[in-house]
């Protein structure tokens, strides 16, 4: 027999471990992102699968640029704009 014993989590415990709602957990399971097992009328998730899911969800540095759009230039002369100099001529 193997020394490694499977630790099963119910959906509530798995969701709490992930910091999400059970509804979101079911969505991850349904979309194939997190393996789950039906045992009779209950759904169980392996703790190792939850831990692997956490690691796969890690955000790589530099990948969130889409959340920070480039600042819009206000045109107030902060970039050496010399359009005011022409008005004096």
PDB file of N, CA and C in Angstrom:
ATOM      1  N   UNK A   1       0.837  -1.194   0.000  1.00  0.00           N
ATOM      2  CA  UNK A   1       0.000   0.000   0.000  1.00  0.00           C
ATOM      3  C   UNK A   1       0.875   1.248   0.000  1.00  0.00           C
ATOM      4  N   UNK A   2       0.437   2.279  -0.652  1.00  0.00           N
ATOM      5  CA  UNK A   2       1.208   3.513  -0.794  1.00  0.00           C
ATOM      6  C   UNK A   2       1.200   4.322   0.502  1.00  0.00           C
ATOM      7  N   UNK A   3       2.305   5.019   0.739  1.00  0.00           N
ATOM      8  CA  UNK A   3       2.395   5.898   1.910  1.00  0.00           C
ATOM      9  C   UNK A   3       1.577   7.169   1.714  1.00  0.00           C
ATOM     10  N   UNK A   4       1.278   7.495   0.457  1.00  0.00           N
ATOM     11  CA  UNK A   4       0.543   8.712   0.156  1.00  0.00           C
ATOM     12  C   UNK A   4      -0.950   8.417   0.191  1.00  0.00           C
ATOM     13  N   UNK A   5      -1.633   9.049   1.126  1.00  0.00           N
ATOM     14  CA  UNK A   5      -3.072   8.869   1.247  1.00  0.00           C
ATOM     15  C   UNK A   5      -3.766  10.089   0.647  1.00  0.00           C
ATOM     16  N   UNK A   6      -4.824   9.859  -0.093  1.00  0.00           N
ATOM     17  CA  UNK A   6      -5.583  10.951  -0.700  1.00  0.00           C
ATOM     18  C   UNK A   6      -6.348  11.692   0.390  1.00  0.00           C
ATOM     19  N   UNK A   7      -6.224  13.014   0.365  1.00  0.00           N
ATOM     20  CA  UNK A   7      -7.018  13.857   1.262  1.00  0.00           C
ATOM     21  C   UNK A   7      -8.133  14.456   0.426  1.00  0.00           C
ATOM     22  N   UNK A   8      -9.379  14.081   0.751  1.00  0.00           N
ATOM     23  CA  UNK A   8     -10.543  14.560   0.019  1.00  0.00           C
ATOM     24  C   UNK A   8     -11.130  15.782   0.707  1.00  0.00           C
ATOM     25  N   UNK A   9     -11.518  16.770  -0.094  1.00  0.00           N
ATOM     26  CA  UNK A   9     -12.175  17.967   0.427  1.00  0.00           C
ATOM     27  C   UNK A   9     -13.591  18.023  -0.111  1.00  0.00           C
ATOM     28  N   UNK A  10     -14.526  18.424   0.748  1.00  0.00           N
ATOM     29  CA  UNK A  10     -15.863  18.675   0.220  1.00  0.00           C
ATOM     30  C   UNK A  10     -15.830  20.027  -0.482  1.00  0.00           C
ATOM     31  N   UNK A  11     -16.881  20.343  -1.205  1.00  0.00           N
ATOM     32  CA  UNK A  11     -16.866  21.555  -2.021  1.00  0.00           C
ATOM     33  C   UNK A  11     -16.784  22.821  -1.169  1.00  0.00           C
ATOM     34  N   UNK A  12     -17.397  22.808  -0.010  1.00  0.00           N
ATOM     35  CA  UNK A  12     -17.333  23.994   0.855  1.00  0.00           C
ATOM     36  C   UNK A  12     -15.904  24.235   1.337  1.00  0.00           C
ATOM     37  N   UNK A  13     -15.240  23.186   1.766  1.00  0.00           N
ATOM     38  CA  UNK A  13     -13.859  23.318   2.245  1.00  0.00           C
ATOM     39  C   UNK A  13     -12.918  23.714   1.110  1.00  0.00           C
ATOM     40  N   UNK A  14     -13.111  23.111  -0.060  1.00  0.00           N
ATOM     41  CA  UNK A  14     -12.271  23.447  -1.213  1.00  0.00           C
ATOM     42  C   UNK A  14     -12.453  24.915  -1.599  1.00  0.00           C
ATOM     43  N   UNK A  15     -13.700  25.372  -1.598  1.00  0.00           N
ATOM     44  CA  UNK A  15     -13.974  26.772  -1.939  1.00  0.00           C
ATOM     45  C   UNK A  15     -13.331  27.707  -0.926  1.00  0.00           C
ATOM     46  N   UNK A  16     -13.424  27.375   0.343  1.00  0.00           N
ATOM     47  CA  UNK A  16     -12.799  28.220   1.379  1.00  0.00           C
ATOM     48  C   UNK A  16     -11.290  28.242   1.212  1.00  0.00           C
ATOM     49  N   UNK A  17     -10.692  27.092   0.890  1.00  0.00           N
ATOM     50  CA  UNK A  17      -9.241  27.022   0.688  1.00  0.00           C
ATOM     51  C   UNK A  17      -8.811  27.930  -0.464  1.00  0.00           C
ATOM     52  N   UNK A  18      -9.662  28.014  -1.485  1.00  0.00           N
ATOM     53  CA  UNK A  18      -9.368  28.858  -2.642  1.00  0.00           C
ATOM     54  C   UNK A  18      -9.797  30.308  -2.447  1.00  0.00           C
ATOM     55  N   UNK A  19     -10.603  30.564  -1.426  1.00  0.00           N
ATOM     56  CA  UNK A  19     -11.079  31.929  -1.192  1.00  0.00           C
ATOM     57  C   UNK A  19     -12.154  32.347  -2.175  1.00  0.00           C
ATOM     58  N   UNK A  20     -12.974  31.384  -2.610  1.00  0.00           N
ATOM     59  CA  UNK A  20     -14.023  31.657  -3.584  1.00  0.00           C
ATOM     60  C   UNK A  20     -15.349  31.094  -3.067  1.00  0.00           C
ATOM     61  N   UNK A  21     -16.422  31.389  -3.766  1.00  0.00           N
ATOM     62  CA  UNK A  21     -17.719  30.826  -3.401  1.00  0.00           C
ATOM     63  C   UNK A  21     -17.826  29.412  -3.966  1.00  0.00           C
ATOM     64  N   UNK A  22     -18.749  28.634  -3.422  1.00  0.00           N
ATOM     65  CA  UNK A  22     -18.949  27.288  -3.962  1.00  0.00           C
ATOM     66  C   UNK A  22     -19.481  27.369  -5.399  1.00  0.00           C
ATOM     67  N   UNK A  23     -20.235  28.391  -5.695  1.00  0.00           N
ATOM     68  CA  UNK A  23     -20.739  28.565  -7.069  1.00  0.00           C
ATOM     69  C   UNK A  23     -19.573  28.719  -8.054  1.00  0.00           C
ATOM     70  N   UNK A  24     -18.574  29.515  -7.685  1.00  0.00           N
ATOM     71  CA  UNK A  24     -17.396  29.689  -8.538  1.00  0.00           C
ATOM     72  C   UNK A  24     -16.617  28.385  -8.634  1.00  0.00           C
ATOM     73  N   UNK A  25     -16.529  27.655  -7.530  1.00  0.00           N
ATOM     74  CA  UNK A  25     -15.855  26.355  -7.536  1.00  0.00           C
ATOM     75  C   UNK A  25     -16.541  25.417  -8.528  1.00  0.00           C
ATOM     76  N   UNK A  26     -17.870  25.355  -8.500  1.00  0.00           N
ATOM     77  CA  UNK A  26     -18.603  24.507  -9.440  1.00  0.00           C
ATOM     78  C   UNK A  26     -18.343  24.935 -10.880  1.00  0.00           C
ATOM     79  N   UNK A  27     -18.211  26.236 -11.114  1.00  0.00           N
ATOM     80  CA  UNK A  27     -17.916  26.728 -12.473  1.00  0.00           C
ATOM     81  C   UNK A  27     -16.538  26.246 -12.923  1.00  0.00           C
ATOM     82  N   UNK A  28     -15.540  26.345 -12.022  1.00  0.00           N
ATOM     83  CA  UNK A  28     -14.194  25.861 -12.359  1.00  0.00           C
ATOM     84  C   UNK A  28     -14.222  24.364 -12.669  1.00  0.00           C
ATOM     85  N   UNK A  29     -14.989  23.607 -11.893  1.00  0.00           N
ATOM     86  CA  UNK A  29     -15.107  22.168 -12.118  1.00  0.00           C
ATOM     87  C   UNK A  29     -15.793  21.905 -13.460  1.00  0.00           C
ATOM     88  N   UNK A  30     -16.892  22.596 -13.705  1.00  0.00           N
ATOM     89  CA  UNK A  30     -17.662  22.402 -14.932  1.00  0.00           C
ATOM     90  C   UNK A  30     -16.861  22.763 -16.180  1.00  0.00           C
ATOM     91  N   UNK A  31     -16.010  23.797 -16.081  1.00  0.00           N
ATOM     92  CA  UNK A  31     -15.195  24.239 -17.217  1.00  0.00           C
ATOM     93  C   UNK A  31     -13.942  23.399 -17.396  1.00  0.00           C
ATOM     94  N   UNK A  32     -13.691  22.460 -16.471  1.00  0.00           N
ATOM     95  CA  UNK A  32     -12.533  21.577 -16.600  1.00  0.00           C
ATOM     96  C   UNK A  32     -11.258  22.109 -15.969  1.00  0.00           C
ATOM     97  N   UNK A  33     -11.338  23.233 -15.279  1.00  0.00           N
ATOM     98  CA  UNK A  33     -10.145  23.812 -14.667  1.00  0.00           C
ATOM     99  C   UNK A  33      -9.711  23.117 -13.385  1.00  0.00           C
ATOM    100  N   UNK A  34     -10.651  22.442 -12.739  1.00  0.00           N
ATOM    101  CA  UNK A  34     -10.368  21.770 -11.474  1.00  0.00           C
ATOM    102  C   UNK A  34     -11.030  20.397 -11.498  1.00  0.00           C
ATOM    103  N   UNK A  35     -10.237  19.327 -11.416  1.00  0.00           N
ATOM    104  CA  UNK A  35     -10.827  17.985 -11.405  1.00  0.00           C
ATOM    105  C   UNK A  35     -11.654  17.754 -10.146  1.00  0.00           C
ATOM    106  N   UNK A  36     -12.740  17.033 -10.294  1.00  0.00           N
ATOM    107  CA  UNK A  36     -13.593  16.693  -9.157  1.00  0.00           C
ATOM    108  C   UNK A  36     -14.166  15.305  -9.385  1.00  0.00           C
ATOM    109  N   UNK A  37     -14.681  14.721  -8.331  1.00  0.00           N
ATOM    110  CA  UNK A  37     -15.167  13.346  -8.365  1.00  0.00           C
ATOM    111  C   UNK A  37     -16.531  13.271  -7.693  1.00  0.00           C
ATOM    112  N   UNK A  38     -17.457  12.562  -8.346  1.00  0.00           N
ATOM    113  CA  UNK A  38     -18.769  12.353  -7.753  1.00  0.00           C
ATOM    114  C   UNK A  38     -18.730  11.011  -7.034  1.00  0.00           C
ATOM    115  N   UNK A  39     -19.075  11.050  -5.767  1.00  0.00           N
ATOM    116  CA  UNK A  39     -19.117   9.834  -4.951  1.00  0.00           C
ATOM    117  C   UNK A  39     -20.527   9.734  -4.385  1.00  0.00           C
ATOM    118  N   UNK A  40     -21.334   8.987  -5.097  1.00  0.00           N
ATOM    119  CA  UNK A  40     -22.742   8.946  -4.719  1.00  0.00           C
ATOM    120  C   UNK A  40     -23.393  10.262  -5.059  1.00  0.00           C
ATOM    121  N   UNK A  41     -23.927  10.916  -4.046  1.00  0.00           N
ATOM    122  CA  UNK A  41     -24.607  12.200  -4.259  1.00  0.00           C
ATOM    123  C   UNK A  41     -23.732  13.403  -3.933  1.00  0.00           C
ATOM    124  N   UNK A  42     -22.477  13.164  -3.558  1.00  0.00           N
ATOM    125  CA  UNK A  42     -21.605  14.276  -3.168  1.00  0.00           C
ATOM    126  C   UNK A  42     -20.451  14.429  -4.146  1.00  0.00           C
ATOM    127  N   UNK A  43     -19.925  15.630  -4.203  1.00  0.00           N
ATOM    128  CA  UNK A  43     -18.764  15.933  -5.040  1.00  0.00           C
ATOM    129  C   UNK A  43     -17.578  16.158  -4.121  1.00  0.00           C
ATOM    130  N   UNK A  44     -16.465  15.545  -4.455  1.00  0.00           N
ATOM    131  CA  UNK A  44     -15.243  15.695  -3.673  1.00  0.00           C
ATOM    132  C   UNK A  44     -14.108  16.149  -4.589  1.00  0.00           C
ATOM    133  N   UNK A  45     -13.162  16.849  -3.989  1.00  0.00           N
ATOM    134  CA  UNK A  45     -12.002  17.358  -4.706  1.00  0.00           C
ATOM    135  C   UNK A  45     -10.765  16.930  -3.929  1.00  0.00           C
ATOM    136  N   UNK A  46      -9.740  16.492  -4.646  1.00  0.00           N
ATOM    137  CA  UNK A  46      -8.489  16.126  -3.980  1.00  0.00           C
ATOM    138  C   UNK A  46      -7.768  17.393  -3.531  1.00  0.00           C
ATOM    139  N   UNK A  47      -7.223  17.365  -2.334  1.00  0.00           N
ATOM    140  CA  UNK A  47      -6.475  18.518  -1.836  1.00  0.00           C
ATOM    141  C   UNK A  47      -5.292  18.820  -2.746  1.00  0.00           C
ATOM    142  N   UNK A  48      -4.640  17.785  -3.274  1.00  0.00           N
ATOM    143  CA  UNK A  48      -3.501  18.015  -4.169  1.00  0.00           C
ATOM    144  C   UNK A  48      -3.940  18.710  -5.457  1.00  0.00           C
ATOM    145  N   UNK A  49      -5.156  18.399  -5.942  1.00  0.00           N
ATOM    146  CA  UNK A  49      -5.668  19.074  -7.139  1.00  0.00           C
ATOM    147  C   UNK A  49      -5.954  20.549  -6.854  1.00  0.00           C
ATOM    148  N   UNK A  50      -6.450  20.840  -5.658  1.00  0.00           N
ATOM    149  CA  UNK A  50      -6.691  22.239  -5.272  1.00  0.00           C
ATOM    150  C   UNK A  50      -5.357  22.977  -5.196  1.00  0.00           C
ATOM    151  N   UNK A  51      -4.353  22.352  -4.582  1.00  0.00           N
ATOM    152  CA  UNK A  51      -3.026  22.977  -4.487  1.00  0.00           C
ATOM    153  C   UNK A  51      -2.428  23.203  -5.872  1.00  0.00           C
ATOM    154  N   UNK A  52      -2.579  22.222  -6.775  1.00  0.00           N
ATOM    155  CA  UNK A  52      -2.086  22.384  -8.152  1.00  0.00           C
ATOM    156  C   UNK A  52      -2.818  23.514  -8.875  1.00  0.00           C
ATOM    157  N   UNK A  53      -4.123  23.606  -8.647  1.00  0.00           N
ATOM    158  CA  UNK A  53      -4.931  24.671  -9.254  1.00  0.00           C
ATOM    159  C   UNK A  53      -4.420  26.039  -8.798  1.00  0.00           C
ATOM    160  N   UNK A  54      -4.108  26.146  -7.511  1.00  0.00           N
ATOM    161  CA  UNK A  54      -3.575  27.400  -6.973  1.00  0.00           C
ATOM    162  C   UNK A  54      -2.279  27.768  -7.692  1.00  0.00           C
ATOM    163  N   UNK A  55      -1.380  26.808  -7.842  1.00  0.00           N
ATOM    164  CA  UNK A  55      -0.105  27.094  -8.505  1.00  0.00           C
ATOM    165  C   UNK A  55      -0.292  27.447  -9.980  1.00  0.00           C
ATOM    166  N   UNK A  56      -1.220  26.782 -10.666  1.00  0.00           N
ATOM    167  CA  UNK A  56      -1.480  27.095 -12.080  1.00  0.00           C
ATOM    168  C   UNK A  56      -2.096  28.475 -12.246  1.00  0.00           C
ATOM    169  N   UNK A  57      -2.731  28.972 -11.206  1.00  0.00           N
ATOM    170  CA  UNK A  57      -3.405  30.266 -11.269  1.00  0.00           C
ATOM    171  C   UNK A  57      -2.475  31.428 -10.942  1.00  0.00           C
ATOM    172  N   UNK A  58      -1.243  31.122 -10.640  1.00  0.00           N
ATOM    173  CA  UNK A  58      -0.277  32.173 -10.286  1.00  0.00           C
ATOM    174  C   UNK A  58      -0.094  33.136 -11.446  1.00  0.00           C
ATOM    175  N   UNK A  59      -0.087  34.411 -11.145  1.00  0.00           N
ATOM    176  CA  UNK A  59       0.053  35.447 -12.159  1.00  0.00           C
ATOM    177  C   UNK A  59       1.532  35.741 -12.362  1.00  0.00           C
ATOM    178  N   UNK A  60       1.957  35.690 -13.601  1.00  0.00           N
ATOM    179  CA  UNK A  60       3.337  36.021 -13.936  1.00  0.00           C
ATOM    180  C   UNK A  60       3.505  37.540 -13.947  1.00  0.00           C
ATOM    181  N   UNK A  61       4.607  38.029 -13.416  1.00  0.00           N
ATOM    182  CA  UNK A  61       4.841  39.474 -13.437  1.00  0.00           C
ATOM    183  C   UNK A  61       4.816  40.010 -14.871  1.00  0.00           C
ATOM    184  N   UNK A  62       4.243  41.179 -15.028  1.00  0.00           N
ATOM    185  CA  UNK A  62       4.199  41.842 -16.327  1.00  0.00           C
ATOM    186  C   UNK A  62       3.023  41.442 -17.200  1.00  0.00           C
ATOM    187  N   UNK A  63       2.106  40.621 -16.678  1.00  0.00           N
ATOM    188  CA  UNK A  63       0.987  40.167 -17.509  1.00  0.00           C
ATOM    189  C   UNK A  63      -0.305  40.930 -17.233  1.00  0.00           C
ATOM    190  N   UNK A  64      -0.274  41.933 -16.383  1.00  0.00           N
ATOM    191  CA  UNK A  64      -1.490  42.667 -16.041  1.00  0.00           C
ATOM    192  C   UNK A  64      -1.539  44.065 -16.657  1.00  0.00           C
ATOM    193  N   UNK A  65      -0.731  44.291 -17.680  1.00  0.00           N
ATOM    194  CA  UNK A  65      -0.682  45.598 -18.316  1.00  0.00           C
ATOM    195  C   UNK A  65      -2.025  46.066 -18.843  1.00  0.00           C
ATOM    196  N   UNK A  66      -2.879  45.123 -19.231  1.00  0.00           N
ATOM    197  CA  UNK A  66      -4.200  45.497 -19.753  1.00  0.00           C
ATOM    198  C   UNK A  66      -5.074  46.157 -18.689  1.00  0.00           C
ATOM    199  N   UNK A  67      -4.709  46.025 -17.426  1.00  0.00           N
ATOM    200  CA  UNK A  67      -5.478  46.644 -16.344  1.00  0.00           C
ATOM    201  C   UNK A  67      -5.053  48.089 -16.084  1.00  0.00           C
ATOM    202  N   UNK A  68      -3.941  48.475 -16.672  1.00  0.00           N
ATOM    203  CA  UNK A  68      -3.407  49.824 -16.459  1.00  0.00           C
ATOM    204  C   UNK A  68      -3.219  50.512 -17.804  1.00  0.00           C
ATOM    205  N   UNK A  69      -4.275  51.125 -18.322  1.00  0.00           N
ATOM    206  CA  UNK A  69      -4.152  51.779 -19.632  1.00  0.00           C
ATOM    207  C   UNK A  69      -3.140  52.920 -19.578  1.00  0.00           C
ATOM    208  N   UNK A  70      -2.572  53.216 -20.740  1.00  0.00           N
ATOM    209  CA  UNK A  70      -1.603  54.315 -20.832  1.00  0.00           C
ATOM    210  C   UNK A  70      -2.280  55.623 -20.426  1.00  0.00           C
ATOM    211  N   UNK A  71      -1.565  56.456 -19.663  1.00  0.00           N
ATOM    212  CA  UNK A  71      -2.161  57.746 -19.284  1.00  0.00           C
ATOM    213  C   UNK A  71      -2.398  58.615 -20.520  1.00  0.00           C
ATOM    214  N   UNK A  72      -3.491  59.344 -20.496  1.00  0.00           N
ATOM    215  CA  UNK A  72      -3.850  60.218 -21.609  1.00  0.00           C
ATOM    216  C   UNK A  72      -3.160  61.561 -21.415  1.00  0.00           C
ATOM    217  N   UNK A  73      -2.549  62.070 -22.470  1.00  0.00           N
ATOM    218  CA  UNK A  73      -1.883  63.368 -22.405  1.00  0.00           C
ATOM    219  C   UNK A  73      -2.931  64.466 -22.250  1.00  0.00           C
ATOM    220  N   UNK A  74      -2.700  65.377 -21.310  1.00  0.00           N
ATOM    221  CA  UNK A  74      -3.651  66.459 -21.063  1.00  0.00           C
ATOM    222  C   UNK A  74      -3.392  67.655 -21.963  1.00  0.00           C
ATOM    223  N   UNK A  75      -2.229  67.695 -22.610  1.00  0.00           N
ATOM    224  CA  UNK A  75      -1.914  68.794 -23.513  1.00  0.00           C
ATOM    225  C   UNK A  75      -1.640  70.097 -22.781  1.00  0.00           C
ATOM    226  N   UNK A  76      -1.253  70.020 -21.509  1.00  0.00           N
ATOM    227  CA  UNK A  76      -1.016  71.237 -20.737  1.00  0.00           C
ATOM    228  C   UNK A  76       0.448  71.674 -20.757  1.00  0.00           C
ATOM    229  N   UNK A  77       1.197  71.175 -21.736  1.00  0.00           N
ATOM    230  CA  UNK A  77       2.582  71.612 -21.863  1.00  0.00           C
ATOM    231  C   UNK A  77       3.559  70.799 -21.047  1.00  0.00           C
ATOM    232  N   UNK A  78       3.137  69.724 -20.453  1.00  0.00           N
ATOM    233  CA  UNK A  78       4.035  68.947 -19.608  1.00  0.00           C
ATOM    234  C   UNK A  78       5.042  68.148 -20.403  1.00  0.00           C
ATOM    235  N   UNK A  79       4.896  68.061 -21.732  1.00  0.00           N
ATOM    236  CA  UNK A  79       5.835  67.299 -22.547  1.00  0.00           C
ATOM    237  C   UNK A  79       6.610  68.228 -23.475  1.00  0.00           C
ATOM    238  N   UNK A  80       6.839  69.457 -23.075  1.00  0.00           N
ATOM    239  CA  UNK A  80       7.609  70.393 -23.891  1.00  0.00           C
ATOM    240  C   UNK A  80       6.814  70.941 -25.060  1.00  0.00           C
ATOM    241  N   UNK A  81       5.504  70.902 -24.971  1.00  0.00           N
ATOM    242  CA  UNK A  81       4.639  71.427 -26.028  1.00  0.00           C
ATOM    243  C   UNK A  81       4.850  72.939 -26.109  1.00  0.00           C
ATOM    244  N   UNK A  82       5.273  73.450 -27.275  1.00  0.00           N
ATOM    245  CA  UNK A  82       5.568  74.887 -27.409  1.00  0.00           C
ATOM    246  C   UNK A  82       4.507  75.614 -28.224  1.00  0.00           C
ATOM    247  N   UNK A  83       3.273  75.095 -28.209  1.00  0.00           N
ATOM    248  CA  UNK A  83       2.203  75.725 -28.977  1.00  0.00           C
ATOM    249  C   UNK A  83       1.887  77.109 -28.447  1.00  0.00           C
ATOM    250  N   UNK A  84       2.103  77.416 -27.162  1.00  0.00           N
ATOM    251  CA  UNK A  84       1.853  78.742 -26.599  1.00  0.00           C
ATOM    252  C   UNK A  84       2.856  79.755 -27.129  1.00  0.00           C
ATOM    253  N   UNK A  85       4.057  79.310 -27.498  1.00  0.00           N
ATOM    254  CA  UNK A  85       5.091  80.230 -27.982  1.00  0.00           C
ATOM    255  C   UNK A  85       4.672  80.833 -29.334  1.00  0.00           C
ATOM    256  N   UNK A  86       3.933  80.074 -30.126  1.00  0.00           N
ATOM    257  CA  UNK A  86       3.498  80.588 -31.419  1.00  0.00           C
ATOM    258  C   UNK A  86       2.435  81.663 -31.271  1.00  0.00           C
ATOM    259  N   UNK A  87       1.694  81.666 -30.200  1.00  0.00           N
ATOM    260  CA  UNK A  87       0.624  82.629 -30.007  1.00  0.00           C
ATOM    261  C   UNK A  87       1.174  84.039 -29.808  1.00  0.00           C
ATOM    262  N   UNK A  88       2.401  84.204 -29.318  1.00  0.00           N
ATOM    263  CA  UNK A  88       2.991  85.503 -29.080  1.00  0.00           C
ATOM    264  C   UNK A  88       3.509  86.136 -30.361  1.00  0.00           C
ATOM    265  N   UNK A  89       3.709  85.397 -31.429  1.00  0.00           N
ATOM    266  CA  UNK A  89       4.314  85.954 -32.623  1.00  0.00           C
ATOM    267  C   UNK A  89       3.361  86.776 -33.433  1.00  0.00           C
TER     268      UNK A  89
END
